[in-house]
Amino acid sequence: AKNITRKFEGTKQSSHSLDFETEIITAKKKLFEASMFVDKEV
């Protein structure tokens, strides 16, 4: 997830937990958003 979101130059990187099992890692800039859903067990 980190490797994919880092490819989007000029975006703001962030992450947060959706619940106890899932984390969302996001690259965002204005009208563009790439979200990676990380299963914490994977």
PDB file of all heavy atoms in Angstrom:
ATOM      1  N   ALA A   1       0.833  -1.208   0.000  1.00  0.00           N
ATOM      2  CA  ALA A   1       0.000   0.000   0.000  1.00  0.00           C
ATOM      3  C   ALA A   1       0.865   1.255   0.000  1.00  0.00           C
ATOM      4  O   ALA A   1       0.605   2.196  -0.759  1.00  0.00           O
ATOM      5  CB  ALA A   1      -0.929  -0.004   1.209  1.00  0.00           C
ATOM      6  N   LYS A   2       1.884   1.293   0.841  1.00  0.00           N
ATOM      7  CA  LYS A   2       2.786   2.449   0.897  1.00  0.00           C
ATOM      8  C   LYS A   2       3.517   2.630  -0.438  1.00  0.00           C
ATOM      9  O   LYS A   2       3.667   3.750  -0.923  1.00  0.00           O
ATOM     10  CB  LYS A   2       3.805   2.287   2.026  1.00  0.00           C
ATOM     11  CG  LYS A   2       3.220   2.486   3.392  1.00  0.00           C
ATOM     12  CD  LYS A   2       3.017   3.948   3.642  1.00  0.00           C
ATOM     13  CE  LYS A   2       2.833   4.231   5.109  1.00  0.00           C
ATOM     14  NZ  LYS A   2       2.586   5.636   5.352  1.00  0.00           N
ATOM     15  N   ASN A   3       3.988   1.530  -1.025  1.00  0.00           N
ATOM     16  CA  ASN A   3       4.700   1.612  -2.309  1.00  0.00           C
ATOM     17  C   ASN A   3       3.810   2.158  -3.422  1.00  0.00           C
ATOM     18  O   ASN A   3       4.258   2.943  -4.255  1.00  0.00           O
ATOM     19  CB  ASN A   3       5.258   0.243  -2.707  1.00  0.00           C
ATOM     20  CG  ASN A   3       6.443  -0.168  -1.867  1.00  0.00           C
ATOM     21  OD1 ASN A   3       7.129   0.655  -1.285  1.00  0.00           O
ATOM     22  ND2 ASN A   3       6.679  -1.461  -1.782  1.00  0.00           N
ATOM     23  N   ILE A   4       2.550   1.754  -3.430  1.00  0.00           N
ATOM     24  CA  ILE A   4       1.629   2.236  -4.467  1.00  0.00           C
ATOM     25  C   ILE A   4       1.326   3.714  -4.263  1.00  0.00           C
ATOM     26  O   ILE A   4       1.406   4.511  -5.200  1.00  0.00           O
ATOM     27  CB  ILE A   4       0.327   1.405  -4.475  1.00  0.00           C
ATOM     28  CG1 ILE A   4       0.612  -0.013  -4.952  1.00  0.00           C
ATOM     29  CG2 ILE A   4      -0.724   2.072  -5.368  1.00  0.00           C
ATOM     30  CD1 ILE A   4      -0.550  -0.972  -4.791  1.00  0.00           C
ATOM     31  N   THR A   5       0.986   4.118  -3.040  1.00  0.00           N
ATOM     32  CA  THR A   5       0.591   5.513  -2.816  1.00  0.00           C
ATOM     33  C   THR A   5       1.756   6.480  -2.999  1.00  0.00           C
ATOM     34  O   THR A   5       1.551   7.625  -3.373  1.00  0.00           O
ATOM     35  CB  THR A   5      -0.048   5.714  -1.424  1.00  0.00           C
ATOM     36  OG1 THR A   5       0.854   5.259  -0.414  1.00  0.00           O
ATOM     37  CG2 THR A   5      -1.367   4.972  -1.319  1.00  0.00           C
ATOM     38  N   ARG A   6       2.976   6.023  -2.765  1.00  0.00           N
ATOM     39  CA  ARG A   6       4.149   6.888  -2.971  1.00  0.00           C
ATOM     40  C   ARG A   6       4.395   7.203  -4.451  1.00  0.00           C
ATOM     41  O   ARG A   6       5.114   8.143  -4.772  1.00  0.00           O
ATOM     42  CB  ARG A   6       5.395   6.232  -2.384  1.00  0.00           C
ATOM     43  CG  ARG A   6       5.441   6.309  -0.881  1.00  0.00           C
ATOM     44  CD  ARG A   6       6.748   5.754  -0.345  1.00  0.00           C
ATOM     45  NE  ARG A   6       6.709   5.708   1.089  1.00  0.00           N
ATOM     46  CZ  ARG A   6       7.021   4.653   1.826  1.00  0.00           C
ATOM     47  NH1 ARG A   6       7.438   3.540   1.247  1.00  0.00           N
ATOM     48  NH2 ARG A   6       6.952   4.701   3.131  1.00  0.00           N
ATOM     49  N   LYS A   7       3.823   6.433  -5.346  1.00  0.00           N
ATOM     50  CA  LYS A   7       4.007   6.660  -6.783  1.00  0.00           C
ATOM     51  C   LYS A   7       3.265   7.897  -7.272  1.00  0.00           C
ATOM     52  O   LYS A   7       3.569   8.425  -8.330  1.00  0.00           O
ATOM     53  CB  LYS A   7       3.542   5.437  -7.574  1.00  0.00           C
ATOM     54  CG  LYS A   7       4.434   4.243  -7.373  1.00  0.00           C
ATOM     55  CD  LYS A   7       3.980   3.061  -8.196  1.00  0.00           C
ATOM     56  CE  LYS A   7       4.915   1.894  -7.935  1.00  0.00           C
ATOM     57  NZ  LYS A   7       4.656   0.776  -8.816  1.00  0.00           N
ATOM     58  N   PHE A   8       2.289   8.375  -6.499  1.00  0.00           N
ATOM     59  CA  PHE A   8       1.489   9.520  -6.902  1.00  0.00           C
ATOM     60  C   PHE A   8       2.142  10.801  -6.391  1.00  0.00           C
ATOM     61  O   PHE A   8       1.831  11.289  -5.307  1.00  0.00           O
ATOM     62  CB  PHE A   8       0.054   9.378  -6.403  1.00  0.00           C
ATOM     63  CG  PHE A   8      -0.644   8.158  -6.935  1.00  0.00           C
ATOM     64  CD1 PHE A   8      -0.945   7.099  -6.101  1.00  0.00           C
ATOM     65  CD2 PHE A   8      -0.983   8.073  -8.270  1.00  0.00           C
ATOM     66  CE1 PHE A   8      -1.580   5.970  -6.584  1.00  0.00           C
ATOM     67  CE2 PHE A   8      -1.619   6.954  -8.771  1.00  0.00           C
ATOM     68  CZ  PHE A   8      -1.916   5.894  -7.931  1.00  0.00           C
ATOM     69  N   GLU A   9       3.054  11.339  -7.184  1.00  0.00           N
ATOM     70  CA  GLU A   9       3.797  12.546  -6.818  1.00  0.00           C
ATOM     71  C   GLU A   9       2.844  13.727  -6.635  1.00  0.00           C
ATOM     72  O   GLU A   9       1.891  13.892  -7.384  1.00  0.00           O
ATOM     73  CB  GLU A   9       4.794  12.855  -7.928  1.00  0.00           C
ATOM     74  CG  GLU A   9       5.724  13.994  -7.644  1.00  0.00           C
ATOM     75  CD  GLU A   9       6.706  14.206  -8.779  1.00  0.00           C
ATOM     76  OE1 GLU A   9       7.256  13.211  -9.291  1.00  0.00           O
ATOM     77  OE2 GLU A   9       6.904  15.361  -9.156  1.00  0.00           O
ATOM     78  N   GLY A  10       3.115  14.531  -5.610  1.00  0.00           N
ATOM     79  CA  GLY A  10       2.320  15.727  -5.374  1.00  0.00           C
ATOM     80  C   GLY A  10       1.060  15.497  -4.561  1.00  0.00           C
ATOM     81  O   GLY A  10       0.263  16.411  -4.384  1.00  0.00           O
ATOM     82  N   THR A  11       0.863  14.275  -4.079  1.00  0.00           N
ATOM     83  CA  THR A  11      -0.315  13.991  -3.265  1.00  0.00           C
ATOM     84  C   THR A  11       0.039  14.010  -1.786  1.00  0.00           C
ATOM     85  O   THR A  11       1.190  13.828  -1.403  1.00  0.00           O
ATOM     86  CB  THR A  11      -0.922  12.611  -3.600  1.00  0.00           C
ATOM     87  OG1 THR A  11       0.053  11.591  -3.346  1.00  0.00           O
ATOM     88  CG2 THR A  11      -1.383  12.538  -5.039  1.00  0.00           C
ATOM     89  N   LYS A  12      -0.971  14.209  -0.962  1.00  0.00           N
ATOM     90  CA  LYS A  12      -0.790  14.157   0.486  1.00  0.00           C
ATOM     91  C   LYS A  12      -1.078  12.725   0.933  1.00  0.00           C
ATOM     92  O   LYS A  12      -2.114  12.151   0.597  1.00  0.00           O
ATOM     93  CB  LYS A  12      -1.747  15.126   1.178  1.00  0.00           C
ATOM     94  CG  LYS A  12      -1.620  15.108   2.674  1.00  0.00           C
ATOM     95  CD  LYS A  12      -2.628  16.040   3.326  1.00  0.00           C
ATOM     96  CE  LYS A  12      -2.523  15.890   4.839  1.00  0.00           C
ATOM     97  NZ  LYS A  12      -3.611  16.573   5.515  1.00  0.00           N
ATOM     98  N   GLN A  13      -0.149  12.157   1.691  1.00  0.00           N
ATOM     99  CA  GLN A  13      -0.291  10.793   2.186  1.00  0.00           C
ATOM    100  C   GLN A  13      -0.916  10.813   3.575  1.00  0.00           C
ATOM    101  O   GLN A  13      -0.558  11.657   4.403  1.00  0.00           O
ATOM    102  CB  GLN A  13       1.085  10.117   2.278  1.00  0.00           C
ATOM    103  CG  GLN A  13       1.933  10.222   1.027  1.00  0.00           C
ATOM    104  CD  GLN A  13       1.414   9.355  -0.095  1.00  0.00           C
ATOM    105  OE1 GLN A  13       1.143   8.197   0.090  1.00  0.00           O
ATOM    106  NE2 GLN A  13       1.296   9.938  -1.273  1.00  0.00           N
ATOM    107  N   SER A  14      -1.834   9.902   3.829  1.00  0.00           N
ATOM    108  CA  SER A  14      -2.415   9.789   5.161  1.00  0.00           C
ATOM    109  C   SER A  14      -2.851   8.346   5.392  1.00  0.00           C
ATOM    110  O   SER A  14      -2.957   7.558   4.452  1.00  0.00           O
ATOM    111  CB  SER A  14      -3.610  10.731   5.322  1.00  0.00           C
ATOM    112  OG  SER A  14      -4.652  10.359   4.457  1.00  0.00           O
ATOM    113  N   SER A  15      -3.080   8.025   6.650  1.00  0.00           N
ATOM    114  CA  SER A  15      -3.602   6.697   6.984  1.00  0.00           C
ATOM    115  C   SER A  15      -4.456   6.799   8.231  1.00  0.00           C
ATOM    116  O   SER A  15      -4.256   7.680   9.069  1.00  0.00           O
ATOM    117  CB  SER A  15      -2.463   5.698   7.186  1.00  0.00           C
ATOM    118  OG  SER A  15      -1.711   6.031   8.327  1.00  0.00           O
ATOM    119  N   HIS A  16      -5.427   5.914   8.317  1.00  0.00           N
ATOM    120  CA  HIS A  16      -6.255   5.821   9.510  1.00  0.00           C
ATOM    121  C   HIS A  16      -6.870   4.427   9.586  1.00  0.00           C
ATOM    122  O   HIS A  16      -6.985   3.726   8.581  1.00  0.00           O
ATOM    123  CB  HIS A  16      -7.337   6.908   9.534  1.00  0.00           C
ATOM    124  CG  HIS A  16      -8.392   6.755   8.491  1.00  0.00           C
ATOM    125  ND1 HIS A  16      -8.226   7.195   7.204  1.00  0.00           N
ATOM    126  CD2 HIS A  16      -9.622   6.200   8.541  1.00  0.00           C
ATOM    127  CE1 HIS A  16      -9.312   6.929   6.503  1.00  0.00           C
ATOM    128  NE2 HIS A  16     -10.174   6.327   7.283  1.00  0.00           N
ATOM    129  N   SER A  17      -7.234   4.043  10.789  1.00  0.00           N
ATOM    130  CA  SER A  17      -7.861   2.735  10.994  1.00  0.00           C
ATOM    131  C   SER A  17      -9.361   2.850  10.767  1.00  0.00           C
ATOM    132  O   SER A  17     -10.014   3.756  11.291  1.00  0.00           O
ATOM    133  CB  SER A  17      -7.595   2.232  12.407  1.00  0.00           C
ATOM    134  OG  SER A  17      -6.236   1.916  12.560  1.00  0.00           O
ATOM    135  N   LEU A  18      -9.865   1.936   9.967  1.00  0.00           N
ATOM    136  CA  LEU A  18     -11.299   1.877   9.720  1.00  0.00           C
ATOM    137  C   LEU A  18     -11.980   1.141  10.884  1.00  0.00           C
ATOM    138  O   LEU A  18     -13.021   1.541  11.361  1.00  0.00           O
ATOM    139  CB  LEU A  18     -11.586   1.168   8.397  1.00  0.00           C
ATOM    140  CG  LEU A  18     -13.021   1.083   7.935  1.00  0.00           C
ATOM    141  CD1 LEU A  18     -13.593   2.473   7.732  1.00  0.00           C
ATOM    142  CD2 LEU A  18     -13.119   0.285   6.651  1.00  0.00           C
ATOM    143  N   ASP A  19     -11.348   0.068  11.298  1.00  0.00           N
ATOM    144  CA  ASP A  19     -11.794  -0.709  12.448  1.00  0.00           C
ATOM    145  C   ASP A  19     -10.572  -1.470  12.966  1.00  0.00           C
ATOM    146  O   ASP A  19      -9.450  -1.159  12.590  1.00  0.00           O
ATOM    147  CB  ASP A  19     -12.947  -1.653  12.062  1.00  0.00           C
ATOM    148  CG  ASP A  19     -12.622  -2.525  10.855  1.00  0.00           C
ATOM    149  OD1 ASP A  19     -11.447  -2.935  10.692  1.00  0.00           O
ATOM    150  OD2 ASP A  19     -13.538  -2.805  10.071  1.00  0.00           O
ATOM    151  N   PHE A  20     -10.784  -2.462  13.790  1.00  0.00           N
ATOM    152  CA  PHE A  20      -9.652  -3.198  14.364  1.00  0.00           C
ATOM    153  C   PHE A  20      -8.929  -4.069  13.345  1.00  0.00           C
ATOM    154  O   PHE A  20      -7.799  -4.485  13.559  1.00  0.00           O
ATOM    155  CB  PHE A  20     -10.114  -4.063  15.541  1.00  0.00           C
ATOM    156  CG  PHE A  20     -10.534  -3.260  16.723  1.00  0.00           C
ATOM    157  CD1 PHE A  20     -11.864  -3.183  17.079  1.00  0.00           C
ATOM    158  CD2 PHE A  20      -9.596  -2.565  17.471  1.00  0.00           C
ATOM    159  CE1 PHE A  20     -12.259  -2.427  18.182  1.00  0.00           C
ATOM    160  CE2 PHE A  20      -9.970  -1.813  18.563  1.00  0.00           C
ATOM    161  CZ  PHE A  20     -11.302  -1.744  18.923  1.00  0.00           C
ATOM    162  N   GLU A  21      -9.564  -4.343  12.201  1.00  0.00           N
ATOM    163  CA  GLU A  21      -8.995  -5.243  11.210  1.00  0.00           C
ATOM    164  C   GLU A  21      -8.495  -4.555   9.947  1.00  0.00           C
ATOM    165  O   GLU A  21      -7.775  -5.155   9.165  1.00  0.00           O
ATOM    166  CB  GLU A  21     -10.028  -6.306  10.823  1.00  0.00           C
ATOM    167  CG  GLU A  21     -10.467  -7.170  11.979  1.00  0.00           C
ATOM    168  CD  GLU A  21     -11.592  -8.103  11.600  1.00  0.00           C
ATOM    169  OE1 GLU A  21     -12.068  -8.052  10.450  1.00  0.00           O
ATOM    170  OE2 GLU A  21     -11.994  -8.894  12.465  1.00  0.00           O
ATOM    171  N   THR A  22      -8.891  -3.308   9.713  1.00  0.00           N
ATOM    172  CA  THR A  22      -8.594  -2.651   8.442  1.00  0.00           C
ATOM    173  C   THR A  22      -8.003  -1.259   8.650  1.00  0.00           C
ATOM    174  O   THR A  22      -8.508  -0.472   9.435  1.00  0.00           O
ATOM    175  CB  THR A  22      -9.868  -2.520   7.588  1.00  0.00           C
ATOM    176  OG1 THR A  22     -10.495  -3.797   7.482  1.00  0.00           O
ATOM    177  CG2 THR A  22      -9.556  -1.996   6.203  1.00  0.00           C
ATOM    178  N   GLU A  23      -6.930  -0.976   7.896  1.00  0.00           N
ATOM    179  CA  GLU A  23      -6.323   0.349   7.866  1.00  0.00           C
ATOM    180  C   GLU A  23      -6.446   0.870   6.442  1.00  0.00           C
ATOM    181  O   GLU A  23      -6.317   0.111   5.480  1.00  0.00           O
ATOM    182  CB  GLU A  23      -4.849   0.253   8.261  1.00  0.00           C
ATOM    183  CG  GLU A  23      -4.109   1.569   8.198  1.00  0.00           C
ATOM    184  CD  GLU A  23      -2.637   1.428   8.535  1.00  0.00           C
ATOM    185  OE1 GLU A  23      -2.124   0.303   8.584  1.00  0.00           O
ATOM    186  OE2 GLU A  23      -2.006   2.476   8.726  1.00  0.00           O
ATOM    187  N   ILE A  24      -6.703   2.158   6.295  1.00  0.00           N
ATOM    188  CA  ILE A  24      -6.792   2.762   4.967  1.00  0.00           C
ATOM    189  C   ILE A  24      -5.614   3.712   4.802  1.00  0.00           C
ATOM    190  O   ILE A  24      -5.414   4.618   5.599  1.00  0.00           O
ATOM    191  CB  ILE A  24      -8.109   3.536   4.773  1.00  0.00           C
ATOM    192  CG1 ILE A  24      -9.301   2.618   4.983  1.00  0.00           C
ATOM    193  CG2 ILE A  24      -8.154   4.160   3.376  1.00  0.00           C
ATOM    194  CD1 ILE A  24     -10.632   3.337   4.981  1.00  0.00           C
ATOM    195  N   ILE A  25      -4.825   3.482   3.748  1.00  0.00           N
ATOM    196  CA  ILE A  25      -3.702   4.355   3.410  1.00  0.00           C
ATOM    197  C   ILE A  25      -4.095   5.085   2.133  1.00  0.00           C
ATOM    198  O   ILE A  25      -4.468   4.461   1.137  1.00  0.00           O
ATOM    199  CB  ILE A  25      -2.403   3.549   3.232  1.00  0.00           C
ATOM    200  CG1 ILE A  25      -2.056   2.865   4.559  1.00  0.00           C
ATOM    201  CG2 ILE A  25      -1.273   4.446   2.748  1.00  0.00           C
ATOM    202  CD1 ILE A  25      -0.864   1.954   4.506  1.00  0.00           C
ATOM    203  N   THR A  26      -4.026   6.417   2.178  1.00  0.00           N
ATOM    204  CA  THR A  26      -4.575   7.236   1.096  1.00  0.00           C
ATOM    205  C   THR A  26      -3.552   8.226   0.549  1.00  0.00           C
ATOM    206  O   THR A  26      -2.761   8.782   1.298  1.00  0.00           O
ATOM    207  CB  THR A  26      -5.798   8.016   1.612  1.00  0.00           C
ATOM    208  OG1 THR A  26      -6.746   7.099   2.158  1.00  0.00           O
ATOM    209  CG2 THR A  26      -6.453   8.814   0.514  1.00  0.00           C
ATOM    210  N   ALA A  27      -3.594   8.430  -0.763  1.00  0.00           N
ATOM    211  CA  ALA A  27      -2.869   9.508  -1.446  1.00  0.00           C
ATOM    212  C   ALA A  27      -3.944  10.407  -2.050  1.00  0.00           C
ATOM    213  O   ALA A  27      -4.805   9.931  -2.791  1.00  0.00           O
ATOM    214  CB  ALA A  27      -1.967   8.949  -2.529  1.00  0.00           C
ATOM    215  N   LYS A  28      -3.910  11.703  -1.710  1.00  0.00           N
ATOM    216  CA  LYS A  28      -5.012  12.580  -2.103  1.00  0.00           C
ATOM    217  C   LYS A  28      -4.500  13.934  -2.567  1.00  0.00           C
ATOM    218  O   LYS A  28      -3.561  14.487  -2.004  1.00  0.00           O
ATOM    219  CB  LYS A  28      -5.914  12.763  -0.891  1.00  0.00           C
ATOM    220  CG  LYS A  28      -7.245  13.357  -1.158  1.00  0.00           C
ATOM    221  CD  LYS A  28      -8.063  13.310   0.126  1.00  0.00           C
ATOM    222  CE  LYS A  28      -9.500  13.648  -0.139  1.00  0.00           C
ATOM    223  NZ  LYS A  28     -10.318  13.565   1.058  1.00  0.00           N
ATOM    224  N   LYS A  29      -5.152  14.474  -3.613  1.00  0.00           N
ATOM    225  CA  LYS A  29      -4.873  15.830  -4.108  1.00  0.00           C
ATOM    226  C   LYS A  29      -6.107  16.314  -4.851  1.00  0.00           C
ATOM    227  O   LYS A  29      -6.499  15.732  -5.865  1.00  0.00           O
ATOM    228  CB  LYS A  29      -3.660  15.821  -5.041  1.00  0.00           C
ATOM    229  CG  LYS A  29      -3.374  17.113  -5.737  1.00  0.00           C
ATOM    230  CD  LYS A  29      -2.414  17.963  -4.956  1.00  0.00           C
ATOM    231  CE  LYS A  29      -2.152  19.247  -5.696  1.00  0.00           C
ATOM    232  NZ  LYS A  29      -0.875  19.789  -5.436  1.00  0.00           N
ATOM    233  N   LYS A  30      -6.740  17.334  -4.335  1.00  0.00           N
ATOM    234  CA  LYS A  30      -7.932  17.944  -4.930  1.00  0.00           C
ATOM    235  C   LYS A  30      -8.954  16.893  -5.354  1.00  0.00           C
ATOM    236  O   LYS A  30      -9.543  16.249  -4.516  1.00  0.00           O
ATOM    237  CB  LYS A  30      -7.556  18.873  -6.069  1.00  0.00           C
ATOM    238  CG  LYS A  30      -6.736  20.061  -5.632  1.00  0.00           C
ATOM    239  CD  LYS A  30      -6.442  21.001  -6.773  1.00  0.00           C
ATOM    240  CE  LYS A  30      -5.577  22.150  -6.287  1.00  0.00           C
ATOM    241  NZ  LYS A  30      -5.211  23.044  -7.367  1.00  0.00           N
ATOM    242  N   LEU A  31      -9.138  16.673  -6.643  1.00  0.00           N
ATOM    243  CA  LEU A  31     -10.163  15.760  -7.142  1.00  0.00           C
ATOM    244  C   LEU A  31      -9.672  14.325  -7.339  1.00  0.00           C
ATOM    245  O   LEU A  31     -10.407  13.486  -7.850  1.00  0.00           O
ATOM    246  CB  LEU A  31     -10.734  16.281  -8.461  1.00  0.00           C
ATOM    247  CG  LEU A  31     -11.488  17.596  -8.393  1.00  0.00           C
ATOM    248  CD1 LEU A  31     -11.875  18.073  -9.793  1.00  0.00           C
ATOM    249  CD2 LEU A  31     -12.725  17.464  -7.521  1.00  0.00           C
ATOM    250  N   PHE A  32      -8.438  14.022  -6.926  1.00  0.00           N
ATOM    251  CA  PHE A  32      -7.878  12.677  -7.089  1.00  0.00           C
ATOM    252  C   PHE A  32      -7.660  12.032  -5.730  1.00  0.00           C
ATOM    253  O   PHE A  32      -7.143  12.653  -4.815  1.00  0.00           O
ATOM    254  CB  PHE A  32      -6.542  12.735  -7.840  1.00  0.00           C
ATOM    255  CG  PHE A  32      -5.872  11.388  -7.935  1.00  0.00           C
ATOM    256  CD1 PHE A  32      -6.288  10.468  -8.866  1.00  0.00           C
ATOM    257  CD2 PHE A  32      -4.846  11.056  -7.064  1.00  0.00           C
ATOM    258  CE1 PHE A  32      -5.688   9.217  -8.942  1.00  0.00           C
ATOM    259  CE2 PHE A  32      -4.242   9.813  -7.136  1.00  0.00           C
ATOM    260  CZ  PHE A  32      -4.661   8.896  -8.071  1.00  0.00           C
ATOM    261  N   GLU A  33      -8.043  10.766  -5.618  1.00  0.00           N
ATOM    262  CA  GLU A  33      -7.829  10.022  -4.379  1.00  0.00           C
ATOM    263  C   GLU A  33      -7.565   8.551  -4.679  1.00  0.00           C
ATOM    264  O   GLU A  33      -8.304   7.922  -5.437  1.00  0.00           O
ATOM    265  CB  GLU A  33      -9.062  10.137  -3.480  1.00  0.00           C
ATOM    266  CG  GLU A  33      -8.925   9.433  -2.170  1.00  0.00           C
ATOM    267  CD  GLU A  33     -10.135   9.642  -1.269  1.00  0.00           C
ATOM    268  OE1 GLU A  33     -10.816  10.672  -1.416  1.00  0.00           O
ATOM    269  OE2 GLU A  33     -10.389   8.766  -0.447  1.00  0.00           O
ATOM    270  N   ALA A  34      -6.483   8.013  -4.115  1.00  0.00           N
ATOM    271  CA  ALA A  34      -6.164   6.592  -4.228  1.00  0.00           C
ATOM    272  C   ALA A  34      -6.138   6.024  -2.818  1.00  0.00           C
ATOM    273  O   ALA A  34      -5.372   6.485  -1.972  1.00  0.00           O
ATOM    274  CB  ALA A  34      -4.810   6.403  -4.902  1.00  0.00           C
ATOM    275  N   SER A  35      -6.983   5.045  -2.548  1.00  0.00           N
ATOM    276  CA  SER A  35      -7.087   4.458  -1.216  1.00  0.00           C
ATOM    277  C   SER A  35      -6.739   2.980  -1.258  1.00  0.00           C
ATOM    278  O   SER A  35      -7.243   2.240  -2.107  1.00  0.00           O
ATOM    279  CB  SER A  35      -8.510   4.608  -0.665  1.00  0.00           C
ATOM    280  OG  SER A  35      -8.862   5.967  -0.568  1.00  0.00           O
ATOM    281  N   MET A  36      -5.883   2.583  -0.335  1.00  0.00           N
ATOM    282  CA  MET A  36      -5.476   1.187  -0.207  1.00  0.00           C
ATOM    283  C   MET A  36      -6.035   0.644   1.105  1.00  0.00           C
ATOM    284  O   MET A  36      -5.788   1.214   2.168  1.00  0.00           O
ATOM    285  CB  MET A  36      -3.950   1.042  -0.177  1.00  0.00           C
ATOM    286  CG  MET A  36      -3.224   1.694  -1.344  1.00  0.00           C
ATOM    287  SD  MET A  36      -3.645   0.959  -2.920  1.00  0.00           S
ATOM    288  CE  MET A  36      -4.053   2.440  -3.844  1.00  0.00           C
ATOM    289  N   PHE A  37      -6.798  -0.430   1.024  1.00  0.00           N
ATOM    290  CA  PHE A  37      -7.415  -1.037   2.207  1.00  0.00           C
ATOM    291  C   PHE A  37      -6.532  -2.186   2.676  1.00  0.00           C
ATOM    292  O   PHE A  37      -6.444  -3.219   2.009  1.00  0.00           O
ATOM    293  CB  PHE A  37      -8.827  -1.508   1.896  1.00  0.00           C
ATOM    294  CG  PHE A  37      -9.795  -0.374   1.660  1.00  0.00           C
ATOM    295  CD1 PHE A  37      -9.821   0.297   0.451  1.00  0.00           C
ATOM    296  CD2 PHE A  37     -10.640   0.038   2.668  1.00  0.00           C
ATOM    297  CE1 PHE A  37     -10.693   1.353   0.244  1.00  0.00           C
ATOM    298  CE2 PHE A  37     -11.519   1.097   2.479  1.00  0.00           C
ATOM    299  CZ  PHE A  37     -11.550   1.750   1.261  1.00  0.00           C
ATOM    300  N   VAL A  38      -5.887  -1.985   3.811  1.00  0.00           N
ATOM    301  CA  VAL A  38      -4.920  -2.945   4.340  1.00  0.00           C
ATOM    302  C   VAL A  38      -5.598  -3.810   5.394  1.00  0.00           C
ATOM    303  O   VAL A  38      -6.094  -3.286   6.394  1.00  0.00           O
ATOM    304  CB  VAL A  38      -3.714  -2.206   4.963  1.00  0.00           C
ATOM    305  CG1 VAL A  38      -2.731  -3.197   5.565  1.00  0.00           C
ATOM    306  CG2 VAL A  38      -3.041  -1.328   3.940  1.00  0.00           C
ATOM    307  N   ASP A  39      -5.600  -5.105   5.155  1.00  0.00           N
ATOM    308  CA  ASP A  39      -6.067  -6.041   6.184  1.00  0.00           C
ATOM    309  C   ASP A  39      -4.919  -6.212   7.153  1.00  0.00           C
ATOM    310  O   ASP A  39      -3.827  -6.643   6.773  1.00  0.00           O
ATOM    311  CB  ASP A  39      -6.441  -7.385   5.569  1.00  0.00           C
ATOM    312  CG  ASP A  39      -7.705  -7.317   4.732  1.00  0.00           C
ATOM    313  OD1 ASP A  39      -8.515  -6.405   4.956  1.00  0.00           O
ATOM    314  OD2 ASP A  39      -7.869  -8.179   3.849  1.00  0.00           O
ATOM    315  N   LYS A  40      -5.130  -5.889   8.403  1.00  0.00           N
ATOM    316  CA  LYS A  40      -4.048  -5.938   9.386  1.00  0.00           C
ATOM    317  C   LYS A  40      -3.530  -7.346   9.612  1.00  0.00           C
ATOM    318  O   LYS A  40      -2.428  -7.535  10.073  1.00  0.00           O
ATOM    319  CB  LYS A  40      -4.508  -5.309  10.692  1.00  0.00           C
ATOM    320  CG  LYS A  40      -4.706  -3.822  10.562  1.00  0.00           C
ATOM    321  CD  LYS A  40      -5.083  -3.181  11.859  1.00  0.00           C
ATOM    322  CE  LYS A  40      -5.254  -1.679  11.670  1.00  0.00           C
ATOM    323  NZ  LYS A  40      -5.708  -1.013  12.888  1.00  0.00           N
ATOM    324  N   GLU A  41      -4.299  -8.356   9.224  1.00  0.00           N
ATOM    325  CA  GLU A  41      -3.862  -9.738   9.372  1.00  0.00           C
ATOM    326  C   GLU A  41      -3.002 -10.202   8.210  1.00  0.00           C
ATOM    327  O   GLU A  41      -2.341 -11.212   8.300  1.00  0.00           O
ATOM    328  CB  GLU A  41      -5.077 -10.646   9.515  1.00  0.00           C
ATOM    329  CG  GLU A  41      -5.888 -10.341  10.751  1.00  0.00           C
ATOM    330  CD  GLU A  41      -7.174 -11.150  10.798  1.00  0.00           C
ATOM    331  OE1 GLU A  41      -7.392 -11.976   9.902  1.00  0.00           O
ATOM    332  OE2 GLU A  41      -7.939 -10.951  11.739  1.00  0.00           O
ATOM    333  N   VAL A  42      -3.012  -9.486   7.094  1.00  0.00           N
ATOM    334  CA  VAL A  42      -2.266  -9.892   5.885  1.00  0.00           C
ATOM    335  C   VAL A  42      -0.800  -9.625   6.087  1.00  0.00           C
ATOM    336  O   VAL A  42      -0.369  -8.648   6.598  1.00  0.00           O
ATOM    337  CB  VAL A  42      -2.781  -9.151   4.632  1.00  0.00           C
ATOM    338  CG1 VAL A  42      -1.894  -9.426   3.442  1.00  0.00           C
ATOM    339  CG2 VAL A  42      -4.192  -9.563   4.342  1.00  0.00           C
TER     340      VAL A  42
END
